[in-house]
Amino acid sequence: MVGLLGGAILFLYGIIATRQEFASFGKVYAAYGGVFIVLAVLWGWGIDHRRPDVSEWIGAAICLVGVTVMLWRR
């Protein structure tokens, strides 16, 4: 049941992201990817109790900088 709900939510996200008017779908999807990477690092730290090392924090920061650059101008 949880898997079906998760699948439905991901499906709806895919549709909603294509309807964003403020930016192109590529920018929205790339921003999601950058945030996903940071959340994956935090997930590993909070849920799996694996503390990220310096290179993981730097990589996550680079991703957020990339997202910021992409979304800077519309």
N, C-alpha and C. Protein backbone atom coordinates (compact mmCIF):
# COMPACT_ATOMS: atom_id res chain seq x y z
N MET A 1 0.82 -1.20 0.00
CA MET A 1 0.00 0.00 0.00
C MET A 1 0.86 1.27 0.00
N VAL A 2 1.90 1.26 0.82
CA VAL A 2 2.79 2.42 0.89
C VAL A 2 3.50 2.62 -0.44
N GLY A 3 3.89 1.52 -1.09
CA GLY A 3 4.55 1.61 -2.39
C GLY A 3 3.64 2.22 -3.44
N LEU A 4 2.37 1.84 -3.42
CA LEU A 4 1.41 2.42 -4.38
C LEU A 4 1.22 3.91 -4.13
N LEU A 5 1.12 4.29 -2.87
CA LEU A 5 0.98 5.71 -2.53
C LEU A 5 2.22 6.49 -2.97
N GLY A 6 3.40 5.93 -2.71
CA GLY A 6 4.64 6.59 -3.12
C GLY A 6 4.72 6.72 -4.63
N GLY A 7 4.32 5.67 -5.34
CA GLY A 7 4.31 5.73 -6.80
C GLY A 7 3.37 6.79 -7.33
N ALA A 8 2.19 6.89 -6.71
CA ALA A 8 1.21 7.90 -7.13
C ALA A 8 1.74 9.31 -6.88
N ILE A 9 2.41 9.51 -5.75
CA ILE A 9 2.96 10.82 -5.44
C ILE A 9 4.06 11.19 -6.43
N LEU A 10 4.93 10.24 -6.76
CA LEU A 10 5.98 10.51 -7.75
C LEU A 10 5.39 10.81 -9.12
N PHE A 11 4.34 10.09 -9.47
CA PHE A 11 3.67 10.34 -10.75
C PHE A 11 3.09 11.75 -10.79
N LEU A 12 2.42 12.15 -9.71
CA LEU A 12 1.85 13.50 -9.65
C LEU A 12 2.95 14.56 -9.67
N TYR A 13 4.05 14.30 -9.00
CA TYR A 13 5.16 15.25 -9.03
C TYR A 13 5.65 15.45 -10.46
N GLY A 14 5.76 14.36 -11.20
CA GLY A 14 6.21 14.45 -12.58
C GLY A 14 5.29 15.31 -13.43
N ILE A 15 4.01 15.22 -13.18
CA ILE A 15 3.04 16.03 -13.92
C ILE A 15 3.09 17.48 -13.47
N ILE A 16 3.13 17.70 -12.18
CA ILE A 16 3.13 19.07 -11.64
C ILE A 16 4.39 19.82 -12.08
N ALA A 17 5.51 19.15 -12.10
CA ALA A 17 6.76 19.83 -12.48
C ALA A 17 6.72 20.34 -13.92
N THR A 18 6.01 19.64 -14.79
CA THR A 18 5.93 20.09 -16.18
C THR A 18 5.00 21.28 -16.33
N ARG A 19 4.20 21.57 -15.33
CA ARG A 19 3.23 22.68 -15.40
C ARG A 19 3.74 23.97 -14.76
N GLN A 20 4.99 23.99 -14.32
CA GLN A 20 5.54 25.18 -13.69
C GLN A 20 5.74 26.26 -14.74
N GLU A 21 5.18 27.43 -14.52
CA GLU A 21 5.28 28.51 -15.48
C GLU A 21 6.47 29.43 -15.23
N PHE A 22 6.99 29.45 -14.01
CA PHE A 22 8.05 30.39 -13.69
C PHE A 22 9.40 29.98 -14.29
N ALA A 23 9.56 28.75 -14.65
CA ALA A 23 10.83 28.28 -15.20
C ALA A 23 10.57 27.10 -16.12
N SER A 24 11.54 26.78 -16.91
CA SER A 24 11.39 25.62 -17.80
C SER A 24 11.43 24.34 -16.97
N PHE A 25 10.91 23.28 -17.57
CA PHE A 25 10.90 22.00 -16.87
C PHE A 25 12.32 21.55 -16.52
N GLY A 26 13.26 21.80 -17.40
CA GLY A 26 14.64 21.40 -17.14
C GLY A 26 15.21 22.06 -15.90
N LYS A 27 14.91 23.34 -15.71
CA LYS A 27 15.40 24.03 -14.52
C LYS A 27 14.74 23.49 -13.25
N VAL A 28 13.44 23.24 -13.33
CA VAL A 28 12.74 22.71 -12.16
C VAL A 28 13.28 21.33 -11.81
N TYR A 29 13.48 20.50 -12.81
CA TYR A 29 13.97 19.15 -12.59
C TYR A 29 15.40 19.17 -12.05
N ALA A 30 16.23 20.05 -12.57
CA ALA A 30 17.61 20.17 -12.09
C ALA A 30 17.64 20.65 -10.64
N ALA A 31 16.77 21.61 -10.31
CA ALA A 31 16.70 22.10 -8.93
C ALA A 31 16.27 20.97 -8.00
N TYR A 32 15.31 20.18 -8.43
CA TYR A 32 14.88 19.04 -7.63
C TYR A 32 16.05 18.07 -7.42
N GLY A 33 16.83 17.84 -8.46
CA GLY A 33 17.96 16.94 -8.35
C GLY A 33 18.99 17.42 -7.35
N GLY A 34 19.27 18.72 -7.37
CA GLY A 34 20.23 19.29 -6.42
C GLY A 34 19.76 19.17 -4.98
N VAL A 35 18.49 19.46 -4.76
CA VAL A 35 17.92 19.34 -3.42
C VAL A 35 17.89 17.87 -3.00
N PHE A 36 17.59 16.98 -3.94
CA PHE A 36 17.55 15.55 -3.64
C PHE A 36 18.91 15.06 -3.15
N ILE A 37 19.98 15.53 -3.76
CA ILE A 37 21.32 15.12 -3.36
C ILE A 37 21.60 15.54 -1.92
N VAL A 38 21.27 16.78 -1.59
CA VAL A 38 21.49 17.27 -0.23
C VAL A 38 20.64 16.47 0.76
N LEU A 39 19.39 16.20 0.41
CA LEU A 39 18.53 15.43 1.31
C LEU A 39 19.02 13.99 1.46
N ALA A 40 19.63 13.43 0.41
CA ALA A 40 20.18 12.09 0.51
C ALA A 40 21.33 12.05 1.51
N VAL A 41 22.16 13.08 1.51
CA VAL A 41 23.26 13.15 2.48
C VAL A 41 22.70 13.27 3.90
N LEU A 42 21.68 14.12 4.06
CA LEU A 42 21.07 14.28 5.38
C LEU A 42 20.34 13.01 5.82
N TRP A 43 19.73 12.31 4.88
CA TRP A 43 19.05 11.05 5.18
C TRP A 43 20.06 10.03 5.73
N GLY A 44 21.18 9.91 5.05
CA GLY A 44 22.20 8.98 5.51
C GLY A 44 22.70 9.31 6.91
N TRP A 45 22.76 10.60 7.20
CA TRP A 45 23.22 11.03 8.53
C TRP A 45 22.16 10.79 9.59
N GLY A 46 20.91 11.17 9.28
CA GLY A 46 19.85 11.10 10.29
C GLY A 46 19.25 9.71 10.47
N ILE A 47 19.06 8.99 9.38
CA ILE A 47 18.37 7.70 9.47
C ILE A 47 19.36 6.53 9.58
N ASP A 48 20.38 6.55 8.76
CA ASP A 48 21.35 5.46 8.77
C ASP A 48 22.49 5.70 9.76
N HIS A 49 22.51 6.88 10.39
CA HIS A 49 23.54 7.23 11.38
C HIS A 49 24.95 7.13 10.80
N ARG A 50 25.07 7.54 9.54
CA ARG A 50 26.38 7.59 8.88
C ARG A 50 26.74 9.05 8.68
N ARG A 51 27.68 9.51 9.45
CA ARG A 51 28.06 10.92 9.38
C ARG A 51 28.78 11.22 8.06
N PRO A 52 28.29 12.22 7.30
CA PRO A 52 28.94 12.57 6.03
C PRO A 52 30.35 13.12 6.25
N ASP A 53 31.24 12.78 5.31
CA ASP A 53 32.59 13.33 5.42
C ASP A 53 32.65 14.67 4.67
N VAL A 54 33.81 15.29 4.71
CA VAL A 54 33.98 16.63 4.14
C VAL A 54 33.68 16.64 2.65
N SER A 55 34.12 15.61 1.93
CA SER A 55 33.90 15.60 0.49
C SER A 55 32.41 15.51 0.15
N GLU A 56 31.63 14.82 0.96
CA GLU A 56 30.18 14.75 0.73
C GLU A 56 29.52 16.11 0.97
N TRP A 57 29.94 16.82 2.00
CA TRP A 57 29.40 18.15 2.24
C TRP A 57 29.78 19.11 1.12
N ILE A 58 31.02 19.03 0.67
CA ILE A 58 31.47 19.89 -0.44
C ILE A 58 30.68 19.59 -1.70
N GLY A 59 30.50 18.31 -2.00
CA GLY A 59 29.72 17.92 -3.17
C GLY A 59 28.28 18.41 -3.10
N ALA A 60 27.66 18.29 -1.93
CA ALA A 60 26.29 18.77 -1.76
C ALA A 60 26.22 20.29 -1.93
N ALA A 61 27.22 20.99 -1.40
CA ALA A 61 27.26 22.45 -1.55
C ALA A 61 27.43 22.85 -3.01
N ILE A 62 28.27 22.13 -3.74
CA ILE A 62 28.46 22.41 -5.16
C ILE A 62 27.12 22.24 -5.90
N CYS A 63 26.38 21.21 -5.56
CA CYS A 63 25.07 20.99 -6.19
C CYS A 63 24.13 22.16 -5.92
N LEU A 64 24.11 22.64 -4.68
CA LEU A 64 23.23 23.78 -4.36
C LEU A 64 23.67 25.05 -5.06
N VAL A 65 24.97 25.24 -5.20
CA VAL A 65 25.46 26.40 -5.96
C VAL A 65 25.02 26.28 -7.41
N GLY A 66 25.11 25.09 -7.97
CA GLY A 66 24.66 24.87 -9.34
C GLY A 66 23.18 25.16 -9.52
N VAL A 67 22.38 24.73 -8.57
CA VAL A 67 20.94 25.01 -8.62
C VAL A 67 20.70 26.51 -8.56
N THR A 68 21.43 27.20 -7.70
CA THR A 68 21.28 28.65 -7.58
C THR A 68 21.63 29.34 -8.88
N VAL A 69 22.72 28.92 -9.52
CA VAL A 69 23.14 29.52 -10.79
C VAL A 69 22.06 29.29 -11.86
N MET A 70 21.53 28.09 -11.93
CA MET A 70 20.50 27.78 -12.94
C MET A 70 19.21 28.58 -12.74
N LEU A 71 18.84 28.77 -11.48
CA LEU A 71 17.58 29.45 -11.20
C LEU A 71 17.72 30.96 -11.03
N TRP A 72 18.96 31.47 -11.10
CA TRP A 72 19.21 32.89 -10.88
C TRP A 72 18.40 33.76 -11.82
N ARG A 73 18.40 33.41 -13.09
CA ARG A 73 17.67 34.18 -14.09
C ARG A 73 16.57 33.31 -14.68
N ARG A 74 15.46 33.92 -14.97
CA ARG A 74 14.34 33.17 -15.53
C ARG A 74 14.39 33.14 -17.01
